[in-house]
PDB file of N, CA and C in Angstrom:
ATOM      1  N   MET A   1     -13.731 -13.120 -60.927  1.00  0.00           N
ATOM      2  CA  MET A   1     -12.929 -13.270 -62.086  1.00  0.00           C
ATOM      3  C   MET A   1     -11.681 -13.175 -61.393  1.00  0.00           C
ATOM      4  N   THR A   2     -10.193 -13.734 -61.440  1.00  0.00           N
ATOM      5  CA  THR A   2      -8.765 -13.513 -60.922  1.00  0.00           C
ATOM      6  C   THR A   2      -8.027 -13.133 -62.047  1.00  0.00           C
ATOM      7  N   ILE A   3      -7.239 -12.192 -61.636  1.00  0.00           N
ATOM      8  CA  ILE A   3      -6.511 -11.349 -62.852  1.00  0.00           C
ATOM      9  C   ILE A   3      -4.669 -12.130 -62.049  1.00  0.00           C
ATOM     10  N   PRO A   4      -4.231 -12.564 -62.844  1.00  0.00           N
ATOM     11  CA  PRO A   4      -2.314 -12.290 -62.417  1.00  0.00           C
ATOM     12  C   PRO A   4      -2.323 -11.482 -61.865  1.00  0.00           C
ATOM     13  N   GLU A   5      -1.477 -10.912 -60.601  1.00  0.00           N
ATOM     14  CA  GLU A   5      -0.634 -10.180 -60.344  1.00  0.00           C
ATOM     15  C   GLU A   5       0.335  -9.099 -61.140  1.00  0.00           C
ATOM     16  N   SER A   6       0.759  -9.698 -62.201  1.00  0.00           N
ATOM     17  CA  SER A   6       1.800  -8.858 -62.622  1.00  0.00           C
ATOM     18  C   SER A   6       1.193  -8.713 -64.262  1.00  0.00           C
ATOM     19  N   ASP A   7      -0.317  -9.241 -64.300  1.00  0.00           N
ATOM     20  CA  ASP A   7      -0.259  -8.264 -65.785  1.00  0.00           C
ATOM     21  C   ASP A   7      -1.317  -6.826 -65.401  1.00  0.00           C
ATOM     22  N   TRP A   8      -1.521  -6.410 -64.472  1.00  0.00           N
ATOM     23  CA  TRP A   8      -1.805  -5.449 -64.182  1.00  0.00           C
ATOM     24  C   TRP A   8      -1.042  -4.391 -64.258  1.00  0.00           C
ATOM     25  N   LEU A   9       0.308  -5.031 -63.909  1.00  0.00           N
ATOM     26  CA  LEU A   9       1.676  -3.777 -63.815  1.00  0.00           C
ATOM     27  C   LEU A   9       1.845  -3.510 -65.688  1.00  0.00           C
ATOM     28  N   GLU A  10       1.487  -4.600 -66.280  1.00  0.00           N
ATOM     29  CA  GLU A  10       1.913  -4.495 -67.549  1.00  0.00           C
ATOM     30  C   GLU A  10       1.242  -3.481 -68.356  1.00  0.00           C
ATOM     31  N   VAL A  11      -0.628  -3.724 -68.282  1.00  0.00           N
ATOM     32  CA  VAL A  11      -1.888  -2.376 -68.515  1.00  0.00           C
ATOM     33  C   VAL A  11      -1.013  -1.151 -67.815  1.00  0.00           C
ATOM     34  N   LEU A  12      -0.352  -1.353 -66.477  1.00  0.00           N
ATOM     35  CA  LEU A  12      -0.259   0.280 -66.241  1.00  0.00           C
ATOM     36  C   LEU A  12       1.163   0.612 -66.899  1.00  0.00           C
ATOM     37  N   ARG A  13       2.376   0.001 -67.213  1.00  0.00           N
ATOM     38  CA  ARG A  13       3.219   0.098 -67.893  1.00  0.00           C
ATOM     39  C   ARG A  13       2.736   1.165 -69.529  1.00  0.00           C
ATOM     40  N   ALA A  14       1.952  -0.097 -70.325  1.00  0.00           N
ATOM     41  CA  ALA A  14       1.365   0.138 -71.976  1.00  0.00           C
ATOM     42  C   ALA A  14       0.561   1.561 -71.388  1.00  0.00           C
ATOM     43  N   ALA A  15      -0.037   1.473 -70.295  1.00  0.00           N
ATOM     44  CA  ALA A  15      -1.012   2.640 -70.484  1.00  0.00           C
ATOM     45  C   ALA A  15      -0.026   4.254 -70.646  1.00  0.00           C
ATOM     46  N   CYS A  16       1.121   3.841 -69.917  1.00  0.00           N
ATOM     47  CA  CYS A  16       1.843   5.010 -68.881  1.00  0.00           C
ATOM     48  C   CYS A  16       2.950   5.165 -70.685  1.00  0.00           C
ATOM     49  N   ALA A  17       2.827   3.950 -71.630  1.00  0.00           N
ATOM     50  CA  ALA A  17       3.851   4.127 -72.953  1.00  0.00           C
ATOM     51  C   ALA A  17       2.699   4.700 -73.719  1.00  0.00           C
ATOM     52  N   ALA A  18       1.355   4.376 -73.538  1.00  0.00           N
ATOM     53  CA  ALA A  18       0.857   4.835 -75.171  1.00  0.00           C
ATOM     54  C   ALA A  18       0.871   5.323 -75.911  1.00  0.00           C
ATOM     55  N   PRO A  19       0.666   6.403 -76.845  1.00  0.00           N
ATOM     56  CA  PRO A  19       0.752   7.656 -77.636  1.00  0.00           C
ATOM     57  C   PRO A  19      -0.109   8.382 -76.938  1.00  0.00           C
ATOM     58  N   ASN A  20       0.371   9.802 -77.086  1.00  0.00           N
ATOM     59  CA  ASN A  20      -0.809  10.578 -76.392  1.00  0.00           C
ATOM     60  C   ASN A  20      -1.036  10.736 -74.924  1.00  0.00           C
ATOM     61  N   SER A  21       0.301   9.534 -74.289  1.00  0.00           N
ATOM     62  CA  SER A  21       0.013   9.370 -72.693  1.00  0.00           C
ATOM     63  C   SER A  21       1.333   9.844 -72.025  1.00  0.00           C
ATOM     64  N   SER A  22       0.765   9.758 -70.710  1.00  0.00           N
ATOM     65  CA  SER A  22       2.188   9.746 -70.147  1.00  0.00           C
ATOM     66  C   SER A  22       2.096   9.070 -68.455  1.00  0.00           C
ATOM     67  N   GLN A  23       2.625   9.327 -67.849  1.00  0.00           N
ATOM     68  CA  GLN A  23       2.715   8.757 -66.216  1.00  0.00           C
ATOM     69  C   GLN A  23       1.784   9.839 -65.647  1.00  0.00           C
ATOM     70  N   ARG A  24       2.139  10.895 -65.817  1.00  0.00           N
ATOM     71  CA  ARG A  24       1.187  12.301 -65.298  1.00  0.00           C
ATOM     72  C   ARG A  24       0.163  11.944 -65.770  1.00  0.00           C
ATOM     73  N   LYS A  25      -0.207  11.812 -67.231  1.00  0.00           N
ATOM     74  CA  LYS A  25      -1.999  11.821 -67.416  1.00  0.00           C
ATOM     75  C   LYS A  25      -2.580  10.086 -66.516  1.00  0.00           C
ATOM     76  N   VAL A  26      -1.756   9.089 -66.810  1.00  0.00           N
ATOM     77  CA  VAL A  26      -2.428   8.055 -66.316  1.00  0.00           C
ATOM     78  C   VAL A  26      -2.951   8.386 -64.737  1.00  0.00           C
ATOM     79  N   ALA A  27      -2.093   9.089 -64.104  1.00  0.00           N
ATOM     80  CA  ALA A  27      -1.464   9.352 -62.777  1.00  0.00           C
ATOM     81  C   ALA A  27      -2.785   9.982 -62.585  1.00  0.00           C
ATOM     82  N   GLU A  28      -3.277  11.068 -63.268  1.00  0.00           N
ATOM     83  CA  GLU A  28      -4.300  12.094 -62.930  1.00  0.00           C
ATOM     84  C   GLU A  28      -5.629  10.891 -63.362  1.00  0.00           C
ATOM     85  N   ARG A  29      -5.818  10.162 -63.978  1.00  0.00           N
ATOM     86  CA  ARG A  29      -6.910   9.293 -64.079  1.00  0.00           C
ATOM     87  C   ARG A  29      -7.405   8.476 -63.633  1.00  0.00           C
ATOM     88  N   LEU A  30      -6.045   7.835 -62.368  1.00  0.00           N
ATOM     89  CA  LEU A  30      -5.942   7.353 -61.200  1.00  0.00           C
ATOM     90  C   LEU A  30      -5.997   7.757 -60.176  1.00  0.00           C
ATOM     91  N   GLY A  31      -5.582   8.929 -59.961  1.00  0.00           N
ATOM     92  CA  GLY A  31      -6.231   9.755 -58.803  1.00  0.00           C
ATOM     93  C   GLY A  31      -5.115   9.705 -57.675  1.00  0.00           C
ATOM     94  N   TYR A  32      -4.055   8.990 -58.529  1.00  0.00           N
ATOM     95  CA  TYR A  32      -2.676   9.861 -57.549  1.00  0.00           C
ATOM     96  C   TYR A  32      -1.584  10.861 -58.235  1.00  0.00           C
ATOM     97  N   SER A  33      -0.599  10.333 -57.404  1.00  0.00           N
ATOM     98  CA  SER A  33       0.577  11.307 -58.181  1.00  0.00           C
ATOM     99  C   SER A  33       1.312  10.798 -59.186  1.00  0.00           C
ATOM    100  N   THR A  34       1.543  11.381 -60.196  1.00  0.00           N
ATOM    101  CA  THR A  34       2.957  10.813 -60.827  1.00  0.00           C
ATOM    102  C   THR A  34       3.730  10.321 -60.108  1.00  0.00           C
ATOM    103  N   SER A  35       4.716  10.902 -59.031  1.00  0.00           N
ATOM    104  CA  SER A  35       5.513   9.956 -58.273  1.00  0.00           C
ATOM    105  C   SER A  35       5.128   8.315 -57.952  1.00  0.00           C
ATOM    106  N   VAL A  36       3.987   8.124 -57.264  1.00  0.00           N
ATOM    107  CA  VAL A  36       3.088   6.995 -57.121  1.00  0.00           C
ATOM    108  C   VAL A  36       3.016   6.039 -58.328  1.00  0.00           C
ATOM    109  N   ILE A  37       3.059   6.534 -59.135  1.00  0.00           N
ATOM    110  CA  ILE A  37       3.031   5.937 -60.672  1.00  0.00           C
ATOM    111  C   ILE A  37       3.779   5.463 -60.988  1.00  0.00           C
ATOM    112  N   SER A  38       5.649   6.237 -60.771  1.00  0.00           N
ATOM    113  CA  SER A  38       6.537   5.999 -60.937  1.00  0.00           C
ATOM    114  C   SER A  38       7.413   4.909 -59.650  1.00  0.00           C
ATOM    115  N   GLN A  39       6.987   5.257 -59.258  1.00  0.00           N
ATOM    116  CA  GLN A  39       7.138   4.277 -57.800  1.00  0.00           C
ATOM    117  C   GLN A  39       6.940   2.768 -58.012  1.00  0.00           C
ATOM    118  N   VAL A  40       5.715   2.865 -58.311  1.00  0.00           N
ATOM    119  CA  VAL A  40       4.760   1.623 -58.515  1.00  0.00           C
ATOM    120  C   VAL A  40       5.443   0.629 -59.565  1.00  0.00           C
ATOM    121  N   LEU A  41       5.734   1.531 -60.928  1.00  0.00           N
ATOM    122  CA  LEU A  41       6.421   1.184 -61.875  1.00  0.00           C
ATOM    123  C   LEU A  41       7.977   0.615 -61.884  1.00  0.00           C
ATOM    124  N   GLY A  42       8.651   1.222 -60.659  1.00  0.00           N
ATOM    125  CA  GLY A  42       9.970   0.428 -60.299  1.00  0.00           C
ATOM    126  C   GLY A  42      10.016   0.131 -58.992  1.00  0.00           C
ATOM    127  N   GLY A  43       8.694  -0.862 -58.750  1.00  0.00           N
ATOM    128  CA  GLY A  43       8.848  -1.698 -57.520  1.00  0.00           C
ATOM    129  C   GLY A  43       9.219  -1.234 -56.604  1.00  0.00           C
ATOM    130  N   LYS A  44       9.190   0.204 -56.405  1.00  0.00           N
ATOM    131  CA  LYS A  44       9.417   0.901 -55.203  1.00  0.00           C
ATOM    132  C   LYS A  44       8.630   1.401 -53.746  1.00  0.00           C
ATOM    133  N   TYR A  45       7.276   1.295 -54.336  1.00  0.00           N
ATOM    134  CA  TYR A  45       6.210   1.745 -53.466  1.00  0.00           C
ATOM    135  C   TYR A  45       5.538   1.114 -52.645  1.00  0.00           C
ATOM    136  N   ALA A  46       5.674   2.164 -51.254  1.00  0.00           N
ATOM    137  CA  ALA A  46       5.800   1.553 -50.133  1.00  0.00           C
ATOM    138  C   ALA A  46       4.252   1.636 -49.573  1.00  0.00           C
ATOM    139  N   GLY A  47       3.355   2.053 -50.395  1.00  0.00           N
ATOM    140  CA  GLY A  47       1.912   2.482 -49.636  1.00  0.00           C
ATOM    141  C   GLY A  47       1.500   1.566 -50.072  1.00  0.00           C
ATOM    142  N   ASP A  48      -0.376   1.545 -50.503  1.00  0.00           N
ATOM    143  CA  ASP A  48      -1.533   0.248 -50.405  1.00  0.00           C
ATOM    144  C   ASP A  48      -1.203   0.084 -52.013  1.00  0.00           C
ATOM    145  N   LEU A  49      -0.678  -1.475 -52.117  1.00  0.00           N
ATOM    146  CA  LEU A  49      -0.511  -1.125 -53.921  1.00  0.00           C
ATOM    147  C   LEU A  49      -1.025  -2.420 -54.377  1.00  0.00           C
ATOM    148  N   LYS A  50      -2.382  -2.987 -53.507  1.00  0.00           N
ATOM    149  CA  LYS A  50      -3.695  -3.511 -53.560  1.00  0.00           C
ATOM    150  C   LYS A  50      -4.801  -2.331 -53.718  1.00  0.00           C
ATOM    151  N   ALA A  51      -4.760  -1.322 -53.275  1.00  0.00           N
ATOM    152  CA  ALA A  51      -5.578   0.219 -54.020  1.00  0.00           C
ATOM    153  C   ALA A  51      -4.885   0.537 -55.291  1.00  0.00           C
ATOM    154  N   VAL A  52      -3.772   0.614 -55.844  1.00  0.00           N
ATOM    155  CA  VAL A  52      -3.534   0.864 -56.774  1.00  0.00           C
ATOM    156  C   VAL A  52      -3.341  -0.368 -57.980  1.00  0.00           C
ATOM    157  N   GLN A  53      -3.744  -1.650 -57.369  1.00  0.00           N
ATOM    158  CA  GLN A  53      -4.018  -2.478 -58.304  1.00  0.00           C
ATOM    159  C   GLN A  53      -5.671  -2.588 -58.692  1.00  0.00           C
ATOM    160  N   ALA A  54      -6.308  -2.346 -57.715  1.00  0.00           N
ATOM    161  CA  ALA A  54      -7.837  -2.259 -57.954  1.00  0.00           C
ATOM    162  C   ALA A  54      -8.318  -1.080 -58.971  1.00  0.00           C
ATOM    163  N   LYS A  55      -7.571   0.064 -58.961  1.00  0.00           N
ATOM    164  CA  LYS A  55      -7.791   1.452 -60.046  1.00  0.00           C
ATOM    165  C   LYS A  55      -7.101   1.019 -60.144  1.00  0.00           C
ATOM    166  N   VAL A  56      -5.945   0.559 -61.248  1.00  0.00           N
ATOM    167  CA  VAL A  56      -6.019   0.104 -62.159  1.00  0.00           C
ATOM    168  C   VAL A  56      -6.768  -0.862 -62.911  1.00  0.00           C
ATOM    169  N   GLU A  57      -7.130  -1.724 -62.407  1.00  0.00           N
ATOM    170  CA  GLU A  57      -8.010  -2.864 -62.564  1.00  0.00           C
ATOM    171  C   GLU A  57      -9.446  -2.351 -63.427  1.00  0.00           C
ATOM    172  N   GLY A  58      -9.550  -1.538 -62.536  1.00  0.00           N
ATOM    173  CA  GLY A  58     -11.128  -0.882 -62.899  1.00  0.00           C
ATOM    174  C   GLY A  58     -10.998   0.275 -64.229  1.00  0.00           C
ATOM    175  N   ALA A  59     -10.332   1.158 -64.377  1.00  0.00           N
ATOM    176  CA  ALA A  59      -9.659   2.411 -65.167  1.00  0.00           C
ATOM    177  C   ALA A  59      -9.379   1.813 -66.530  1.00  0.00           C
ATOM    178  N   PHE A  60      -8.413   0.701 -66.986  1.00  0.00           N
ATOM    179  CA  PHE A  60      -8.177   0.181 -67.743  1.00  0.00           C
ATOM    180  C   PHE A  60      -8.287  -1.311 -68.102  1.00  0.00           C
ATOM    181  N   MET A  61      -8.687  -1.608 -67.650  1.00  0.00           N
ATOM    182  CA  MET A  61      -8.729  -3.577 -67.615  1.00  0.00           C
ATOM    183  C   MET A  61     -10.613  -3.706 -67.685  1.00  0.00           C
ATOM    184  N   GLY A  62     -11.456  -3.160 -67.019  1.00  0.00           N
ATOM    185  CA  GLY A  62     -12.957  -3.078 -67.181  1.00  0.00           C
ATOM    186  C   GLY A  62     -13.282  -4.037 -66.318  1.00  0.00           C
ATOM    187  N   VAL A  63     -12.113  -3.884 -64.635  1.00  0.00           N
ATOM    188  CA  VAL A  63     -12.901  -4.874 -63.852  1.00  0.00           C
ATOM    189  C   VAL A  63     -14.001  -3.925 -63.632  1.00  0.00           C
ATOM    190  N   THR A  64     -15.228  -4.100 -62.634  1.00  0.00           N
ATOM    191  CA  THR A  64     -16.241  -3.900 -62.361  1.00  0.00           C
ATOM    192  C   THR A  64     -16.612  -4.549 -60.784  1.00  0.00           C
ATOM    193  N   VAL A  65     -17.947  -4.044 -60.208  1.00  0.00           N
ATOM    194  CA  VAL A  65     -18.253  -4.326 -58.889  1.00  0.00           C
ATOM    195  C   VAL A  65     -19.877  -4.063 -58.877  1.00  0.00           C
ATOM    196  N   ASN A  66     -20.417  -4.785 -58.065  1.00  0.00           N
ATOM    197  CA  ASN A  66     -21.807  -4.330 -57.639  1.00  0.00           C
ATOM    198  C   ASN A  66     -22.144  -3.868 -56.841  1.00  0.00           C
ATOM    199  N   CYS A  67     -22.334  -2.171 -56.907  1.00  0.00           N
ATOM    200  CA  CYS A  67     -22.434  -1.805 -55.437  1.00  0.00           C
ATOM    201  C   CYS A  67     -23.544  -1.413 -55.338  1.00  0.00           C
ATOM    202  N   PRO A  68     -24.091  -1.978 -53.987  1.00  0.00           N
ATOM    203  CA  PRO A  68     -25.756  -2.005 -53.393  1.00  0.00           C
ATOM    204  C   PRO A  68     -26.596  -0.882 -53.479  1.00  0.00           C
ATOM    205  N   VAL A  69     -25.723   0.638 -53.892  1.00  0.00           N
ATOM    206  CA  VAL A  69     -26.243   1.578 -53.921  1.00  0.00           C
ATOM    207  C   VAL A  69     -26.699   1.754 -55.305  1.00  0.00           C
ATOM    208  N   VAL A  70     -25.134   2.394 -56.009  1.00  0.00           N
ATOM    209  CA  VAL A  70     -25.113   2.696 -57.778  1.00  0.00           C
ATOM    210  C   VAL A  70     -25.398   1.534 -58.351  1.00  0.00           C
ATOM    211  N   GLY A  71     -25.155   0.138 -58.476  1.00  0.00           N
ATOM    212  CA  GLY A  71     -25.167  -0.535 -58.943  1.00  0.00           C
ATOM    213  C   GLY A  71     -23.942  -0.774 -59.701  1.00  0.00           C
ATOM    214  N   GLU A  72     -24.018  -1.453 -61.200  1.00  0.00           N
ATOM    215  CA  GLU A  72     -22.546  -2.512 -61.357  1.00  0.00           C
ATOM    216  C   GLU A  72     -21.929  -1.045 -61.535  1.00  0.00           C
ATOM    217  N   LEU A  73     -20.600  -0.864 -61.658  1.00  0.00           N
ATOM    218  CA  LEU A  73     -19.415   0.307 -61.855  1.00  0.00           C
ATOM    219  C   LEU A  73     -18.063  -0.183 -61.809  1.00  0.00           C
ATOM    220  N   PRO A  74     -17.274   0.949 -62.738  1.00  0.00           N
ATOM    221  CA  PRO A  74     -15.423   0.111 -62.217  1.00  0.00           C
ATOM    222  C   PRO A  74     -15.638   0.196 -61.720  1.00  0.00           C
ATOM    223  N   ARG A  75     -14.510  -0.798 -60.808  1.00  0.00           N
ATOM    224  CA  ARG A  75     -13.491  -0.712 -59.571  1.00  0.00           C
ATOM    225  C   ARG A  75     -13.505   0.718 -59.468  1.00  0.00           C
ATOM    226  N   ASN A  76     -12.550   1.575 -59.775  1.00  0.00           N
ATOM    227  CA  ASN A  76     -11.938   2.649 -59.875  1.00  0.00           C
ATOM    228  C   ASN A  76     -12.773   3.594 -59.292  1.00  0.00           C
ATOM    229  N   ARG A  77     -14.194   3.614 -59.411  1.00  0.00           N
ATOM    230  CA  ARG A  77     -14.599   4.327 -58.903  1.00  0.00           C
ATOM    231  C   ARG A  77     -15.790   4.208 -57.899  1.00  0.00           C
ATOM    232  N   CYS A  78     -15.291   2.750 -57.628  1.00  0.00           N
ATOM    233  CA  CYS A  78     -15.778   2.455 -55.921  1.00  0.00           C
ATOM    234  C   CYS A  78     -15.020   3.098 -55.418  1.00  0.00           C
ATOM    235  N   LEU A  79     -13.507   2.638 -55.797  1.00  0.00           N
ATOM    236  CA  LEU A  79     -12.612   3.389 -54.007  1.00  0.00           C
ATOM    237  C   LEU A  79     -13.051   5.284 -54.623  1.00  0.00           C
ATOM    238  N   GLU A  80     -13.252   5.678 -55.794  1.00  0.00           N
ATOM    239  CA  GLU A  80     -13.444   7.089 -55.635  1.00  0.00           C
ATOM    240  C   GLU A  80     -14.798   6.896 -54.274  1.00  0.00           C
ATOM    241  N   TYR A  81     -15.412   6.305 -54.821  1.00  0.00           N
ATOM    242  CA  TYR A  81     -16.766   6.626 -53.922  1.00  0.00           C
ATOM    243  C   TYR A  81     -16.454   6.845 -52.593  1.00  0.00           C
ATOM    244  N   GLN A  82     -15.641   5.630 -52.238  1.00  0.00           N
ATOM    245  CA  GLN A  82     -15.049   5.391 -50.454  1.00  0.00           C
ATOM    246  C   GLN A  82     -14.231   5.882 -50.201  1.00  0.00           C
ATOM    247  N   ARG A  83     -13.562   7.146 -50.989  1.00  0.00           N
ATOM    248  CA  ARG A  83     -12.229   8.051 -50.572  1.00  0.00           C
ATOM    249  C   ARG A  83     -13.489  10.092 -50.072  1.00  0.00           C
ATOM    250  N   GLN A  84     -14.622   9.658 -50.896  1.00  0.00           N
ATOM    251  CA  GLN A  84     -15.530  11.154 -50.554  1.00  0.00           C
ATOM    252  C   GLN A  84     -16.387  11.234 -48.925  1.00  0.00           C
ATOM    253  N   ALA A  85     -16.051  12.979 -48.455  1.00  0.00           N
ATOM    254  CA  ALA A  85     -16.148  13.062 -47.381  1.00  0.00           C
ATOM    255  C   ALA A  85     -18.008  12.961 -47.516  1.00  0.00           C
ATOM    256  N   PHE A  86     -18.183  12.082 -46.301  1.00  0.00           N
ATOM    257  CA  PHE A  86     -20.116  12.458 -45.791  1.00  0.00           C
ATOM    258  C   PHE A  86     -20.910  13.463 -46.402  1.00  0.00           C
ATOM    259  N   ALA A  87     -21.508  13.713 -47.342  1.00  0.00           N
ATOM    260  CA  ALA A  87     -22.374  14.644 -47.435  1.00  0.00           C
ATOM    261  C   ALA A  87     -23.764  15.071 -46.940  1.00  0.00           C
ATOM    262  N   ALA A  88     -24.014  15.668 -45.904  1.00  0.00           N
ATOM    263  CA  ALA A  88     -25.858  15.300 -45.481  1.00  0.00           C
ATOM    264  C   ALA A  88     -26.869  15.681 -46.792  1.00  0.00           C
ATOM    265  N   THR A  89     -25.904  16.833 -47.314  1.00  0.00           N
ATOM    266  CA  THR A  89     -26.785  17.103 -48.377  1.00  0.00           C
ATOM    267  C   THR A  89     -26.825  16.688 -49.911  1.00  0.00           C
ATOM    268  N   ASN A  90     -25.896  15.653 -49.914  1.00  0.00           N
ATOM    269  CA  ASN A  90     -26.322  14.903 -50.995  1.00  0.00           C
ATOM    270  C   ASN A  90     -26.742  13.372 -50.831  1.00  0.00           C
ATOM    271  N   HIS A  91     -27.655  13.182 -51.376  1.00  0.00           N
ATOM    272  CA  HIS A  91     -28.436  11.892 -51.312  1.00  0.00           C
ATOM    273  C   HIS A  91     -27.625  10.957 -51.356  1.00  0.00           C
ATOM    274  N   LEU A  92     -26.682  10.949 -52.531  1.00  0.00           N
ATOM    275  CA  LEU A  92     -25.961   9.569 -53.109  1.00  0.00           C
ATOM    276  C   LEU A  92     -24.602   9.148 -51.645  1.00  0.00           C
ATOM    277  N   ARG A  93     -24.296  10.130 -51.630  1.00  0.00           N
ATOM    278  CA  ARG A  93     -23.272  10.390 -50.783  1.00  0.00           C
ATOM    279  C   ARG A  93     -24.202   9.558 -49.096  1.00  0.00           C
ATOM    280  N   VAL A  94     -25.339  10.162 -49.071  1.00  0.00           N
ATOM    281  CA  VAL A  94     -25.746   9.931 -47.502  1.00  0.00           C
ATOM    282  C   VAL A  94     -26.123   7.980 -47.910  1.00  0.00           C
ATOM    283  N   GLN A  95     -26.632   7.827 -48.631  1.00  0.00           N
ATOM    284  CA  GLN A  95     -26.556   6.521 -49.251  1.00  0.00           C
ATOM    285  C   GLN A  95     -25.822   5.743 -48.903  1.00  0.00           C
ATOM    286  N   LEU A  96     -24.735   6.125 -49.583  1.00  0.00           N
ATOM    287  CA  LEU A  96     -22.883   5.113 -49.694  1.00  0.00           C
ATOM    288  C   LEU A  96     -22.862   5.132 -47.761  1.00  0.00           C
ATOM    289  N   SER A  97     -22.794   6.581 -47.301  1.00  0.00           N
ATOM    290  CA  SER A  97     -22.143   6.521 -46.626  1.00  0.00           C
ATOM    291  C   SER A  97     -22.562   5.564 -45.556  1.00  0.00           C
ATOM    292  N   ARG A  98     -23.979   4.902 -45.367  1.00  0.00           N
ATOM    293  CA  ARG A  98     -24.036   3.770 -44.964  1.00  0.00           C
ATOM    294  C   ARG A  98     -24.343   2.635 -45.477  1.00  0.00           C
ATOM    295  N   SER A  99     -24.081   1.959 -46.500  1.00  0.00           N
ATOM    296  CA  SER A  99     -23.786   0.774 -47.508  1.00  0.00           C
ATOM    297  C   SER A  99     -22.198   0.946 -47.412  1.00  0.00           C
ATOM    298  N   CYS A 100     -21.088   1.234 -47.642  1.00  0.00           N
ATOM    299  CA  CYS A 100     -20.093   1.388 -47.585  1.00  0.00           C
ATOM    300  C   CYS A 100     -19.220   0.165 -46.257  1.00  0.00           C
ATOM    301  N   PRO A 101     -19.375   0.691 -45.245  1.00  0.00           N
ATOM    302  CA  PRO A 101     -18.845   0.589 -44.109  1.00  0.00           C
ATOM    303  C   PRO A 101     -18.872  -1.456 -44.417  1.00  0.00           C
ATOM    304  N   GLU A 102     -19.992  -1.540 -44.512  1.00  0.00           N
ATOM    305  CA  GLU A 102     -20.569  -3.241 -44.750  1.00  0.00           C
ATOM    306  C   GLU A 102     -20.065  -3.788 -45.861  1.00  0.00           C
ATOM    307  N   CYS A 103     -20.041  -3.132 -47.077  1.00  0.00           N
ATOM    308  CA  CYS A 103     -20.087  -3.586 -48.357  1.00  0.00           C
ATOM    309  C   CYS A 103     -18.438  -4.076 -48.644  1.00  0.00           C
ATOM    310  N   LYS A 104     -18.968  -5.754 -49.496  1.00  0.00           N
ATOM    311  CA  LYS A 104     -17.534  -6.420 -49.523  1.00  0.00           C
ATOM    312  C   LYS A 104     -16.435  -6.149 -50.138  1.00  0.00           C
ATOM    313  N   HIS A 105     -16.931  -4.860 -50.994  1.00  0.00           N
ATOM    314  CA  HIS A 105     -16.099  -4.115 -51.901  1.00  0.00           C
ATOM    315  C   HIS A 105     -14.992  -3.181 -50.869  1.00  0.00           C
ATOM    316  N   ASN A 106     -15.521  -2.596 -50.101  1.00  0.00           N
ATOM    317  CA  ASN A 106     -15.094  -1.736 -49.170  1.00  0.00           C
ATOM    318  C   ASN A 106     -13.519  -2.043 -48.625  1.00  0.00           C
ATOM    319  N   ARG A 107     -12.677  -1.442 -49.241  1.00  0.00           N
ATOM    320  CA  ARG A 107     -11.168  -1.581 -49.098  1.00  0.00           C
ATOM    321  C   ARG A 107     -11.070  -1.875 -47.254  1.00  0.00           C
ATOM    322  N   HIS A 108     -11.169  -1.474 -47.083  1.00  0.00           N
ATOM    323  CA  HIS A 108     -10.668  -2.013 -45.462  1.00  0.00           C
ATOM    324  C   HIS A 108     -11.791  -2.960 -45.146  1.00  0.00           C
ATOM    325  N   GLN A 109     -12.822  -3.242 -45.590  1.00  0.00           N
ATOM    326  CA  GLN A 109     -13.631  -4.631 -45.118  1.00  0.00           C
ATOM    327  C   GLN A 109     -12.370  -5.416 -45.915  1.00  0.00           C
ATOM    328  N   ALA A 110     -12.367  -5.807 -46.870  1.00  0.00           N
ATOM    329  CA  ALA A 110     -11.302  -6.395 -47.061  1.00  0.00           C
ATOM    330  C   ALA A 110      -9.987  -7.106 -47.032  1.00  0.00           C
ATOM    331  N   ARG A 111      -9.353  -6.168 -47.012  1.00  0.00           N
ATOM    332  CA  ARG A 111      -8.377  -6.039 -45.540  1.00  0.00           C
ATOM    333  C   ARG A 111      -8.671  -7.083 -44.044  1.00  0.00           C
ATOM    334  N   GLN A 112     -10.008  -6.624 -43.845  1.00  0.00           N
ATOM    335  CA  GLN A 112      -9.762  -7.126 -42.523  1.00  0.00           C
ATOM    336  C   GLN A 112     -10.838  -8.461 -42.472  1.00  0.00           C
ATOM    337  N   THR A 113     -10.918  -9.150 -43.688  1.00  0.00           N
ATOM    338  CA  THR A 113     -11.500 -10.373 -43.890  1.00  0.00           C
ATOM    339  C   THR A 113     -10.016 -11.288 -44.512  1.00  0.00           C
ATOM    340  N   GLU A 114      -8.930 -10.836 -44.903  1.00  0.00           N
ATOM    341  CA  GLU A 114      -7.623 -11.296 -45.391  1.00  0.00           C
ATOM    342  C   GLU A 114      -7.011 -11.546 -44.217  1.00  0.00           C
ATOM    343  N   VAL A 115      -7.207 -10.839 -43.479  1.00  0.00           N
ATOM    344  CA  VAL A 115      -6.081 -11.012 -41.976  1.00  0.00           C
ATOM    345  C   VAL A 115      -6.780 -11.850 -41.250  1.00  0.00           C
ATOM    346  N   ARG A 116      -7.953 -12.137 -41.166  1.00  0.00           N
ATOM    347  CA  ARG A 116      -8.509 -12.965 -40.366  1.00  0.00           C
ATOM    348  C   ARG A 116      -8.028 -14.522 -40.610  1.00  0.00           C
TER     349      ARG A 116
END
């Protein structure tokens, strides 16, 4: 499913403007600082905008990926798993550490594919 680039920004704006919501609450849900969300909405974010887009799509738009370890999960949760540190005492993290580096959903793997 291809999502027009501007749609995720509109969803992000709507999530921040929703009743009982705020940029702070949206930032916490996405795992970013309020400053990052403000910069993205203002068009001034110099970081990895595709990562922010993927998190918004997963958290607010229902975009999922099929993880070889966990199964189907929201895209934002996939990115959270990728950022977790290896822990030999956690069976899931051991499996993810083996699968994530070669997975097509790995954010670094996807970037390398785009560059080629």
